Amino acid sequence: MPATLPDISRRGSRRIENAGIMDKIQALELKLDTLIDQVQQLAADNRALREQQGQWQRERQRLIQNNEAARSRVETMINRLKGLNQENQ
């Protein structure tokens, strides 16, 4: 009979060890789920930022074109005014 007591105590300690391992596995699964969520959020943020960057680049190009057109019109007006000034002299 004494031989069965250590077997029972070993089974109990195995259960405790298994429970500890299961707790660690569950904690690891929770961390992995959290990391997966964070990666997915970062990927979505990255896509949004890239789209926003594209919009800013298109807006910048439009503003550069508008600036060039305005500069050209101002130069044309200055040249006309110079021509009128020379005619009046």
C-alpha atoms as a PDB file:
ATOM      1  CA  MET A   1       0.000   0.000   0.000  1.00  0.00           C
ATOM      2  CA  PRO A   2       2.747   2.542   0.664  1.00  0.00           C
ATOM      3  CA  ALA A   3       3.766   2.237  -2.982  1.00  0.00           C
ATOM      4  CA  THR A   4       0.464   3.742  -4.110  1.00  0.00           C
ATOM      5  CA  LEU A   5       0.817   6.911  -2.046  1.00  0.00           C
ATOM      6  CA  PRO A   6       3.726   8.289  -4.047  1.00  0.00           C
ATOM      7  CA  ASP A   7       1.824   7.525  -7.252  1.00  0.00           C
ATOM      8  CA  ILE A   8      -1.144   9.547  -6.024  1.00  0.00           C
ATOM      9  CA  SER A   9       1.035  12.429  -4.944  1.00  0.00           C
ATOM     10  CA  ARG A  10       2.861  12.365  -8.283  1.00  0.00           C
ATOM     11  CA  ARG A  11      -0.427  12.478 -10.139  1.00  0.00           C
ATOM     12  CA  GLY A  12      -1.484  15.464  -8.093  1.00  0.00           C
ATOM     13  CA  SER A  13       1.777  17.256  -8.760  1.00  0.00           C
ATOM     14  CA  ARG A  14       1.451  16.458 -12.469  1.00  0.00           C
ATOM     15  CA  ARG A  15      -1.990  17.987 -12.483  1.00  0.00           C
ATOM     16  CA  ILE A  16      -0.615  21.095 -10.811  1.00  0.00           C
ATOM     17  CA  GLU A  17       2.260  21.209 -13.309  1.00  0.00           C
ATOM     18  CA  ASN A  18      -0.162  20.700 -16.189  1.00  0.00           C
ATOM     19  CA  ALA A  19      -2.415  23.430 -14.827  1.00  0.00           C
ATOM     20  CA  GLY A  20       0.579  25.767 -14.621  1.00  0.00           C
ATOM     21  CA  ILE A  21       1.572  24.918 -18.156  1.00  0.00           C
ATOM     22  CA  MET A  22      -1.992  25.466 -19.355  1.00  0.00           C
ATOM     23  CA  ASP A  23      -2.043  28.862 -17.636  1.00  0.00           C
ATOM     24  CA  LYS A  24       1.199  29.779 -19.370  1.00  0.00           C
ATOM     25  CA  ILE A  25      -0.155  28.591 -22.720  1.00  0.00           C
ATOM     26  CA  GLN A  26      -3.332  30.614 -22.241  1.00  0.00           C
ATOM     27  CA  ALA A  27      -1.286  33.683 -21.278  1.00  0.00           C
ATOM     28  CA  LEU A  28       0.860  33.185 -24.382  1.00  0.00           C
ATOM     29  CA  GLU A  29      -2.235  32.805 -26.559  1.00  0.00           C
ATOM     30  CA  LEU A  30      -3.613  36.035 -25.138  1.00  0.00           C
ATOM     31  CA  LYS A  31      -0.338  37.831 -25.874  1.00  0.00           C
ATOM     32  CA  LEU A  32      -0.322  36.433 -29.409  1.00  0.00           C
ATOM     33  CA  ASP A  33      -3.910  37.549 -29.972  1.00  0.00           C
ATOM     34  CA  THR A  34      -2.977  41.011 -28.727  1.00  0.00           C
ATOM     35  CA  LEU A  35       0.042  41.131 -31.040  1.00  0.00           C
ATOM     36  CA  ILE A  36      -2.041  39.991 -34.004  1.00  0.00           C
ATOM     37  CA  ASP A  37      -4.582  42.738 -33.271  1.00  0.00           C
ATOM     38  CA  GLN A  38      -1.794  45.304 -33.027  1.00  0.00           C
ATOM     39  CA  VAL A  39      -0.233  44.156 -36.312  1.00  0.00           C
ATOM     40  CA  GLN A  40      -3.597  44.369 -38.045  1.00  0.00           C
ATOM     41  CA  GLN A  41      -4.178  47.865 -36.642  1.00  0.00           C
ATOM     42  CA  LEU A  42      -0.708  48.982 -37.702  1.00  0.00           C
ATOM     43  CA  ALA A  43      -1.291  47.600 -41.195  1.00  0.00           C
ATOM     44  CA  ALA A  44      -4.572  49.513 -41.439  1.00  0.00           C
ATOM     45  CA  ASP A  45      -2.895  52.685 -40.141  1.00  0.00           C
ATOM     46  CA  ASN A  46      -0.077  52.223 -42.644  1.00  0.00           C
ATOM     47  CA  ARG A  47      -2.538  51.882 -45.537  1.00  0.00           C
ATOM     48  CA  ALA A  48      -4.376  55.013 -44.392  1.00  0.00           C
ATOM     49  CA  LEU A  49      -1.123  56.971 -44.069  1.00  0.00           C
ATOM     50  CA  ARG A  50       0.019  55.891 -47.531  1.00  0.00           C
ATOM     51  CA  GLU A  51      -3.291  57.012 -49.004  1.00  0.00           C
ATOM     52  CA  GLN A  52      -3.026  60.316 -47.177  1.00  0.00           C
ATOM     53  CA  GLN A  53       0.531  60.737 -48.442  1.00  0.00           C
ATOM     54  CA  GLY A  54      -0.697  60.190 -51.995  1.00  0.00           C
ATOM     55  CA  GLN A  55      -3.400  62.804 -51.504  1.00  0.00           C
ATOM     56  CA  TRP A  56      -0.870  65.321 -50.166  1.00  0.00           C
ATOM     57  CA  GLN A  57       1.443  64.644 -53.101  1.00  0.00           C
ATOM     58  CA  ARG A  58      -1.409  65.210 -55.571  1.00  0.00           C
ATOM     59  CA  GLU A  59      -2.405  68.413 -53.746  1.00  0.00           C
ATOM     60  CA  ARG A  60       1.212  69.607 -53.779  1.00  0.00           C
ATOM     61  CA  GLN A  61       1.459  68.981 -57.525  1.00  0.00           C
ATOM     62  CA  ARG A  62      -1.783  70.889 -58.115  1.00  0.00           C
ATOM     63  CA  LEU A  63      -0.509  73.825 -56.057  1.00  0.00           C
ATOM     64  CA  ILE A  64       2.797  73.863 -57.931  1.00  0.00           C
ATOM     65  CA  GLN A  65       0.917  73.979 -61.245  1.00  0.00           C
ATOM     66  CA  ASN A  66      -1.331  76.791 -59.999  1.00  0.00           C
ATOM     67  CA  ASN A  67       1.720  78.713 -58.791  1.00  0.00           C
ATOM     68  CA  GLU A  68       3.452  78.324 -62.145  1.00  0.00           C
ATOM     69  CA  ALA A  69       0.337  79.482 -64.004  1.00  0.00           C
ATOM     70  CA  ALA A  70      -0.006  82.537 -61.727  1.00  0.00           C
ATOM     71  CA  ARG A  71       3.704  83.357 -62.121  1.00  0.00           C
ATOM     72  CA  SER A  72       3.372  83.155 -65.894  1.00  0.00           C
ATOM     73  CA  ARG A  73       0.344  85.473 -65.891  1.00  0.00           C
ATOM     74  CA  VAL A  74       2.162  87.989 -63.661  1.00  0.00           C
ATOM     75  CA  GLU A  75       5.222  87.940 -65.949  1.00  0.00           C
ATOM     76  CA  THR A  76       2.965  88.501 -68.965  1.00  0.00           C
ATOM     77  CA  MET A  77       1.321  91.495 -67.257  1.00  0.00           C
ATOM     78  CA  ILE A  78       4.705  92.945 -66.281  1.00  0.00           C
ATOM     79  CA  ASN A  79       5.952  92.636 -69.869  1.00  0.00           C
ATOM     80  CA  ARG A  80       2.785  94.334 -71.179  1.00  0.00           C
ATOM     81  CA  LEU A  81       3.190  97.148 -68.681  1.00  0.00           C
ATOM     82  CA  LYS A  82       6.817  97.597 -69.703  1.00  0.00           C
ATOM     83  CA  GLY A  83       5.738  97.680 -73.342  1.00  0.00           C
ATOM     84  CA  LEU A  84       3.074 100.300 -72.617  1.00  0.00           C
ATOM     85  CA  ASN A  85       5.593 102.370 -70.646  1.00  0.00           C
ATOM     86  CA  GLN A  86       8.057 102.285 -73.531  1.00  0.00           C
ATOM     87  CA  GLU A  87       5.339 103.318 -76.002  1.00  0.00           C
ATOM     88  CA  ASN A  88       4.389 106.305 -73.853  1.00  0.00           C
ATOM     89  CA  GLN A  89       7.920 107.579 -73.575  1.00  0.00           C
END
